[in-house]
Protein backbone atom coordinates (compact mmCIF):
# COMPACT_ATOMS: atom_id res chain seq x y z
CA MET A 1 108.80 91.79 117.21
CA LYS A 2 110.73 93.00 120.22
CA GLY A 3 114.50 92.98 119.83
CA TYR A 4 114.40 93.34 116.04
CA ARG A 5 114.26 96.24 113.62
CA PHE A 6 114.33 96.85 109.88
CA ASN A 7 117.67 96.30 108.21
CA PRO A 8 119.50 99.68 108.28
CA ASP A 9 120.27 99.43 104.54
CA ARG A 10 117.35 101.47 103.15
CA GLU A 11 117.98 100.51 99.53
CA TYR A 12 117.97 96.81 100.43
CA VAL A 13 114.79 97.21 102.50
CA GLU A 14 113.02 98.91 99.58
CA LYS A 15 113.92 95.98 97.29
CA ILE A 16 112.59 93.44 99.79
CA LEU A 17 109.40 95.47 100.37
CA GLU A 18 108.85 95.63 96.61
CA GLY A 19 109.21 91.82 96.49
CA ILE A 20 106.63 91.51 99.26
CA ARG A 21 104.26 93.75 97.32
CA ARG A 22 104.74 91.68 94.15
CA LYS A 23 104.05 88.47 96.08
CA GLU A 24 100.92 89.98 97.66
CA GLY A 25 102.31 90.11 101.20
CA HIS A 26 104.32 86.91 101.15
CA CYS A 27 108.03 86.68 101.89
CA PRO A 28 109.97 87.12 98.64
CA CYS A 29 112.53 84.53 99.77
CA ARG A 30 109.99 81.70 99.74
CA LEU A 31 109.26 79.58 96.70
CA HIS A 32 105.69 78.81 97.76
CA ALA A 33 103.05 81.15 99.16
CA ASP A 34 100.70 80.07 101.94
CA GLU A 35 99.56 81.36 105.32
CA THR A 36 102.98 80.57 106.88
CA THR A 37 104.87 82.81 104.43
CA LEU A 38 102.94 86.04 104.97
CA CYS A 39 105.42 88.68 106.13
CA PRO A 40 106.47 88.51 108.86
CA CYS A 41 106.64 84.78 108.19
CA ASP A 42 106.02 82.11 110.81
CA GLU A 43 109.71 81.22 110.95
CA PHE A 44 110.58 84.77 111.97
CA VAL A 45 107.71 85.06 114.46
CA GLN A 46 108.44 81.71 116.10
CA GLU A 47 112.23 81.45 115.80
CA GLY A 48 113.51 84.96 115.08
CA ILE A 49 114.94 83.88 111.72
CA CYS A 50 114.44 86.31 108.83
CA LYS A 51 115.99 84.67 105.79
CA CYS A 52 115.65 87.76 103.58
CA ASN A 53 117.23 90.00 106.27
CA LEU A 54 114.40 92.50 106.22
CA PHE A 55 114.45 92.26 110.02
CA VAL A 56 117.74 92.21 111.92
CA LYS A 57 118.52 91.99 115.63
CA ASP A 58 118.47 95.34 117.38
CA PRO A 59 122.00 95.94 118.71
CA GLU A 60 120.69 97.70 121.83
């Protein structure tokens, strides 16, 4: 998504990506798993909100 990038904290990103792998592609921050929670989740795509902070606003 334009205007966003991965969180610069590589260790944190690896933990979140591992959570996504364990949840078979779904956001690790979500309690339920359905088509709206596949990463990047609908909330991020539609509103630019990434609750797990995998994606952060690009400062440039």
